[in-house]
Amino acid sequence: MAPGLNAVLALAQRWRRPLSLLVVALGWGALALAQPLPARAQTPQGDGPSATAPVSTVNPSAGPSRQAIPTGLVSIESDLQRADQTTGVITATGNVRILYADKGVMATARQAQYFSREGRVVLSGDVDVVQQDGSLLRAEQVTYLVGLERITARPAANQQVFSRLRLTPTPKPGAPAVAP
């Protein structure tokens, strides 16, 4: 094996857990794994709902009665990715798309950074975080503090953060179950 390839493989092995934490950090809610997720990709022009276009569908289950076996796989696509062992910062820039099929979470942004020493994830630039149940968070910047499980979303200048959540009532003990 070439010496350069050994260095790349060693770096990839060292950063495997922080990269998976980056996407685990994006899953701030419990997800139902049985329904497909329409994924979205960003386009260079426009703001709001018209600035996204469908690109694929995630179907983590083979059928309605069988749930997928968790794989722990995280896909990160971007124009450029780099990891700095000195600072402990992993950065993906340009058309960033993060998919964590096990959790049914997909995020897009212009840049994603994981600060491993601080346990902080920062997505910036037209950020969309979509959960499998249809929940959506749209902002200019989303910061997630891994240890505290706290998210902060900031809008672009003169804009607002948008979120769409699916609220599921918690059944009270002894109450009859309600069909969806």
C-alpha atoms as a PDB file:
ATOM      1  CA  MET A   1       0.000   0.000   0.000  1.00  0.00           C
ATOM      2  CA  ALA A   2       1.287   3.496  -0.824  1.00  0.00           C
ATOM      3  CA  PRO A   3       2.528   5.592   2.145  1.00  0.00           C
ATOM      4  CA  GLY A   4       0.096   8.413   1.274  1.00  0.00           C
ATOM      5  CA  LEU A   5      -2.830   5.993   1.281  1.00  0.00           C
ATOM      6  CA  ASN A   6      -1.801   4.691   4.714  1.00  0.00           C
ATOM      7  CA  ALA A   7      -1.873   8.244   6.081  1.00  0.00           C
ATOM      8  CA  VAL A   8      -5.323   8.889   4.603  1.00  0.00           C
ATOM      9  CA  LEU A   9      -6.677   5.606   6.004  1.00  0.00           C
ATOM     10  CA  ALA A  10      -5.214   6.365   9.446  1.00  0.00           C
ATOM     11  CA  LEU A  11      -6.785   9.841   9.398  1.00  0.00           C
ATOM     12  CA  ALA A  12     -10.135   8.430   8.305  1.00  0.00           C
ATOM     13  CA  GLN A  13     -10.048   5.852  11.127  1.00  0.00           C
ATOM     14  CA  ARG A  14      -9.165   8.538  13.703  1.00  0.00           C
ATOM     15  CA  TRP A  15     -12.059  10.797  12.618  1.00  0.00           C
ATOM     16  CA  ARG A  16     -14.695   8.076  12.111  1.00  0.00           C
ATOM     17  CA  ARG A  17     -16.354   8.654  15.498  1.00  0.00           C
ATOM     18  CA  PRO A  18     -16.360  12.503  15.305  1.00  0.00           C
ATOM     19  CA  LEU A  19     -17.864  12.327  11.812  1.00  0.00           C
ATOM     20  CA  SER A  20     -20.609  10.029  13.036  1.00  0.00           C
ATOM     21  CA  LEU A  21     -21.199  12.335  16.019  1.00  0.00           C
ATOM     22  CA  LEU A  22     -21.686  15.198  13.577  1.00  0.00           C
ATOM     23  CA  VAL A  23     -24.692  13.528  12.080  1.00  0.00           C
ATOM     24  CA  VAL A  24     -25.914  11.966  15.312  1.00  0.00           C
ATOM     25  CA  ALA A  25     -25.964  15.514  16.618  1.00  0.00           C
ATOM     26  CA  LEU A  26     -28.420  16.439  13.903  1.00  0.00           C
ATOM     27  CA  GLY A  27     -31.027  13.946  15.088  1.00  0.00           C
ATOM     28  CA  TRP A  28     -32.634  15.939  17.877  1.00  0.00           C
ATOM     29  CA  GLY A  29     -35.810  13.932  18.005  1.00  0.00           C
ATOM     30  CA  ALA A  30     -36.928  10.336  17.981  1.00  0.00           C
ATOM     31  CA  LEU A  31     -37.748   9.139  14.493  1.00  0.00           C
ATOM     32  CA  ALA A  32     -40.104   6.550  13.057  1.00  0.00           C
ATOM     33  CA  LEU A  33     -38.049   4.445  10.647  1.00  0.00           C
ATOM     34  CA  ALA A  34     -40.870   2.964   8.588  1.00  0.00           C
ATOM     35  CA  GLN A  35     -41.670   5.858   6.210  1.00  0.00           C
ATOM     36  CA  PRO A  36     -39.562   7.168   3.289  1.00  0.00           C
ATOM     37  CA  LEU A  37     -37.880  10.574   3.570  1.00  0.00           C
ATOM     38  CA  PRO A  38     -37.991  12.865   0.545  1.00  0.00           C
ATOM     39  CA  ALA A  39     -34.485  14.346   0.551  1.00  0.00           C
ATOM     40  CA  ARG A  40     -33.836  17.893  -0.697  1.00  0.00           C
ATOM     41  CA  ALA A  41     -30.806  19.498  -2.291  1.00  0.00           C
ATOM     42  CA  GLN A  42     -29.992  23.179  -2.418  1.00  0.00           C
ATOM     43  CA  THR A  43     -29.932  25.163  -5.602  1.00  0.00           C
ATOM     44  CA  PRO A  44     -27.725  28.222  -6.029  1.00  0.00           C
ATOM     45  CA  GLN A  45     -30.559  30.724  -6.511  1.00  0.00           C
ATOM     46  CA  GLY A  46     -33.409  31.850  -4.342  1.00  0.00           C
ATOM     47  CA  ASP A  47     -34.574  31.632  -0.771  1.00  0.00           C
ATOM     48  CA  GLY A  48     -37.349  29.777   0.949  1.00  0.00           C
ATOM     49  CA  PRO A  49     -39.174  26.665  -0.182  1.00  0.00           C
ATOM     50  CA  SER A  50     -38.461  27.289  -3.870  1.00  0.00           C
ATOM     51  CA  ALA A  51     -34.706  27.052  -3.207  1.00  0.00           C
ATOM     52  CA  THR A  52     -34.820  23.281  -2.801  1.00  0.00           C
ATOM     53  CA  ALA A  53     -35.208  20.471  -5.292  1.00  0.00           C
ATOM     54  CA  PRO A  54     -35.925  16.771  -4.723  1.00  0.00           C
ATOM     55  CA  VAL A  55     -32.908  14.524  -5.235  1.00  0.00           C
ATOM     56  CA  SER A  56     -33.559  11.122  -3.687  1.00  0.00           C
ATOM     57  CA  THR A  57     -35.606   9.071  -1.275  1.00  0.00           C
ATOM     58  CA  VAL A  58     -34.347   7.266   1.802  1.00  0.00           C
ATOM     59  CA  ASN A  59     -36.236   4.111   2.663  1.00  0.00           C
ATOM     60  CA  PRO A  60     -34.572   2.561   5.705  1.00  0.00           C
ATOM     61  CA  SER A  61     -37.004  -0.354   5.891  1.00  0.00           C
ATOM     62  CA  ALA A  62     -37.543  -3.103   3.363  1.00  0.00           C
ATOM     63  CA  GLY A  63     -41.240  -3.364   4.144  1.00  0.00           C
ATOM     64  CA  PRO A  64     -43.911  -2.135   6.505  1.00  0.00           C
ATOM     65  CA  SER A  65     -43.448  -5.025   8.945  1.00  0.00           C
ATOM     66  CA  ARG A  66     -39.635  -5.130   8.969  1.00  0.00           C
ATOM     67  CA  GLN A  67     -37.412  -2.413  10.425  1.00  0.00           C
ATOM     68  CA  ALA A  68     -33.927  -1.758   9.105  1.00  0.00           C
ATOM     69  CA  ILE A  69     -30.929  -2.981  11.045  1.00  0.00           C
ATOM     70  CA  PRO A  70     -28.877   0.045  12.169  1.00  0.00           C
ATOM     71  CA  THR A  71     -25.626   0.322  10.239  1.00  0.00           C
ATOM     72  CA  GLY A  72     -24.076   3.387  11.853  1.00  0.00           C
ATOM     73  CA  LEU A  73     -23.202   4.644   8.378  1.00  0.00           C
ATOM     74  CA  VAL A  74     -23.097   8.374   7.787  1.00  0.00           C
ATOM     75  CA  SER A  75     -22.731   9.837   4.310  1.00  0.00           C
ATOM     76  CA  ILE A  76     -21.159  13.263   3.941  1.00  0.00           C
ATOM     77  CA  GLU A  77     -20.966  14.724   0.460  1.00  0.00           C
ATOM     78  CA  SER A  78     -19.339  18.073  -0.240  1.00  0.00           C
ATOM     79  CA  ASP A  79     -17.058  19.837  -2.668  1.00  0.00           C
ATOM     80  CA  LEU A  80     -14.195  19.745  -0.132  1.00  0.00           C
ATOM     81  CA  GLN A  81     -13.564  17.991   3.194  1.00  0.00           C
ATOM     82  CA  ARG A  82     -10.644  18.445   5.539  1.00  0.00           C
ATOM     83  CA  ALA A  83      -9.690  17.386   9.064  1.00  0.00           C
ATOM     84  CA  ASP A  84      -7.109  19.174  11.193  1.00  0.00           C
ATOM     85  CA  GLN A  85      -5.632  16.929  13.895  1.00  0.00           C
ATOM     86  CA  THR A  86      -3.930  19.906  15.551  1.00  0.00           C
ATOM     87  CA  THR A  87      -7.140  21.866  16.171  1.00  0.00           C
ATOM     88  CA  GLY A  88      -9.537  18.910  16.211  1.00  0.00           C
ATOM     89  CA  VAL A  89     -11.778  20.562  13.617  1.00  0.00           C
ATOM     90  CA  ILE A  90     -13.428  18.704  10.737  1.00  0.00           C
ATOM     91  CA  THR A  91     -14.757  20.924   7.939  1.00  0.00           C
ATOM     92  CA  ALA A  92     -16.873  20.113   4.889  1.00  0.00           C
ATOM     93  CA  THR A  93     -17.513  22.981   2.467  1.00  0.00           C
ATOM     94  CA  GLY A  94     -19.491  23.536  -0.704  1.00  0.00           C
ATOM     95  CA  ASN A  95     -22.848  21.865  -1.324  1.00  0.00           C
ATOM     96  CA  VAL A  96     -22.668  19.882   1.915  1.00  0.00           C
ATOM     97  CA  ARG A  97     -25.164  17.046   2.212  1.00  0.00           C
ATOM     98  CA  ILE A  98     -25.192  14.849   5.299  1.00  0.00           C
ATOM     99  CA  LEU A  99     -27.326  11.727   5.446  1.00  0.00           C
ATOM    100  CA  TYR A 100     -27.747   9.518   8.508  1.00  0.00           C
ATOM    101  CA  ALA A 101     -30.175   6.871   7.294  1.00  0.00           C
ATOM    102  CA  ASP A 102     -30.337   5.054  10.658  1.00  0.00           C
ATOM    103  CA  LYS A 103     -31.871   8.156  12.255  1.00  0.00           C
ATOM    104  CA  GLY A 104     -33.754   9.334   9.172  1.00  0.00           C
ATOM    105  CA  VAL A 105     -31.985  12.710   9.247  1.00  0.00           C
ATOM    106  CA  MET A 106     -30.708  14.627   6.234  1.00  0.00           C
ATOM    107  CA  ALA A 107     -29.063  18.048   6.349  1.00  0.00           C
ATOM    108  CA  THR A 108     -27.795  20.411   3.690  1.00  0.00           C
ATOM    109  CA  ALA A 109     -25.660  23.518   4.127  1.00  0.00           C
ATOM    110  CA  ARG A 110     -22.875  25.423   2.463  1.00  0.00           C
ATOM    111  CA  GLN A 111     -20.503  24.429   5.281  1.00  0.00           C
ATOM    112  CA  ALA A 112     -20.442  21.976   8.184  1.00  0.00           C
ATOM    113  CA  GLN A 113     -17.863  22.003  10.966  1.00  0.00           C
ATOM    114  CA  TYR A 114     -17.366  19.679  13.908  1.00  0.00           C
ATOM    115  CA  PHE A 115     -15.268  21.054  16.772  1.00  0.00           C
ATOM    116  CA  SER A 116     -14.331  17.804  18.513  1.00  0.00           C
ATOM    117  CA  ARG A 117     -12.712  19.396  21.569  1.00  0.00           C
ATOM    118  CA  GLU A 118     -15.814  21.469  22.315  1.00  0.00           C
ATOM    119  CA  GLY A 119     -18.386  18.913  21.194  1.00  0.00           C
ATOM    120  CA  ARG A 120     -19.921  21.519  18.904  1.00  0.00           C
ATOM    121  CA  VAL A 121     -21.368  21.159  15.401  1.00  0.00           C
ATOM    122  CA  VAL A 122     -21.937  24.254  13.251  1.00  0.00           C
ATOM    123  CA  LEU A 123     -23.865  24.124   9.971  1.00  0.00           C
ATOM    124  CA  SER A 124     -23.887  27.406   8.070  1.00  0.00           C
ATOM    125  CA  GLY A 125     -25.267  28.851   4.863  1.00  0.00           C
ATOM    126  CA  ASP A 126     -28.826  27.977   3.802  1.00  0.00           C
ATOM    127  CA  VAL A 127     -29.155  25.178   6.361  1.00  0.00           C
ATOM    128  CA  ASP A 128     -31.979  22.652   6.034  1.00  0.00           C
ATOM    129  CA  VAL A 129     -32.332  19.784   8.516  1.00  0.00           C
ATOM    130  CA  VAL A 130     -35.078  17.323   7.576  1.00  0.00           C
ATOM    131  CA  GLN A 131     -36.277  14.434   9.698  1.00  0.00           C
ATOM    132  CA  GLN A 132     -38.018  11.370   8.376  1.00  0.00           C
ATOM    133  CA  ASP A 133     -41.332  12.304   9.997  1.00  0.00           C
ATOM    134  CA  GLY A 134     -41.403  15.521   7.954  1.00  0.00           C
ATOM    135  CA  SER A 135     -40.022  17.805  10.659  1.00  0.00           C
ATOM    136  CA  LEU A 136     -37.910  20.582   9.158  1.00  0.00           C
ATOM    137  CA  LEU A 137     -35.545  23.247  10.455  1.00  0.00           C
ATOM    138  CA  ARG A 138     -34.415  26.001   8.072  1.00  0.00           C
ATOM    139  CA  ALA A 139     -31.947  28.713   9.113  1.00  0.00           C
ATOM    140  CA  GLU A 140     -28.771  30.495   8.068  1.00  0.00           C
ATOM    141  CA  GLN A 141     -26.774  28.855  10.876  1.00  0.00           C
ATOM    142  CA  VAL A 142     -27.499  25.927  13.183  1.00  0.00           C
ATOM    143  CA  THR A 143     -25.261  25.199  16.167  1.00  0.00           C
ATOM    144  CA  TYR A 144     -25.590  21.972  18.115  1.00  0.00           C
ATOM    145  CA  LEU A 145     -23.900  21.395  21.481  1.00  0.00           C
ATOM    146  CA  VAL A 146     -23.501  17.631  21.616  1.00  0.00           C
ATOM    147  CA  GLY A 147     -23.041  17.215  25.387  1.00  0.00           C
ATOM    148  CA  LEU A 148     -26.008  19.441  26.259  1.00  0.00           C
ATOM    149  CA  GLU A 149     -28.176  18.241  23.354  1.00  0.00           C
ATOM    150  CA  ARG A 150     -29.000  21.891  22.658  1.00  0.00           C
ATOM    151  CA  ILE A 151     -29.668  23.447  19.252  1.00  0.00           C
ATOM    152  CA  THR A 152     -29.534  27.125  18.372  1.00  0.00           C
ATOM    153  CA  ALA A 153     -30.760  28.268  14.955  1.00  0.00           C
ATOM    154  CA  ARG A 154     -29.972  31.763  13.657  1.00  0.00           C
ATOM    155  CA  PRO A 155     -31.607  33.419  10.657  1.00  0.00           C
ATOM    156  CA  ALA A 156     -29.995  35.426   7.876  1.00  0.00           C
ATOM    157  CA  ALA A 157     -30.196  39.224   8.213  1.00  0.00           C
ATOM    158  CA  ASN A 158     -33.810  40.467   8.128  1.00  0.00           C
ATOM    159  CA  GLN A 159     -35.119  36.886   7.967  1.00  0.00           C
ATOM    160  CA  GLN A 160     -36.605  34.392  10.407  1.00  0.00           C
ATOM    161  CA  VAL A 161     -35.831  30.810  11.353  1.00  0.00           C
ATOM    162  CA  PHE A 162     -38.448  28.369  10.050  1.00  0.00           C
ATOM    163  CA  SER A 163     -39.329  25.094  11.702  1.00  0.00           C
ATOM    164  CA  ARG A 164     -42.042  22.551  11.044  1.00  0.00           C
ATOM    165  CA  LEU A 165     -42.531  19.918  13.716  1.00  0.00           C
ATOM    166  CA  ARG A 166     -44.702  16.849  13.911  1.00  0.00           C
ATOM    167  CA  LEU A 167     -46.094  16.747  17.421  1.00  0.00           C
ATOM    168  CA  THR A 168     -47.133  13.363  18.708  1.00  0.00           C
ATOM    169  CA  PRO A 169     -49.258  13.372  21.865  1.00  0.00           C
ATOM    170  CA  THR A 170     -47.928  11.308  24.731  1.00  0.00           C
ATOM    171  CA  PRO A 171     -50.593   8.844  25.879  1.00  0.00           C
ATOM    172  CA  LYS A 172     -51.642   9.108  29.506  1.00  0.00           C
ATOM    173  CA  PRO A 173     -51.465   5.922  31.575  1.00  0.00           C
ATOM    174  CA  GLY A 174     -54.772   4.049  31.391  1.00  0.00           C
ATOM    175  CA  ALA A 175     -56.077   6.114  28.458  1.00  0.00           C
ATOM    176  CA  PRO A 176     -57.245   4.253  25.320  1.00  0.00           C
ATOM    177  CA  ALA A 177     -54.879   4.312  22.359  1.00  0.00           C
ATOM    178  CA  VAL A 178     -55.793   6.713  19.554  1.00  0.00           C
ATOM    179  CA  ALA A 179     -55.409   5.480  15.972  1.00  0.00           C
ATOM    180  CA  PRO A 180     -53.404   7.839  13.677  1.00  0.00           C
END
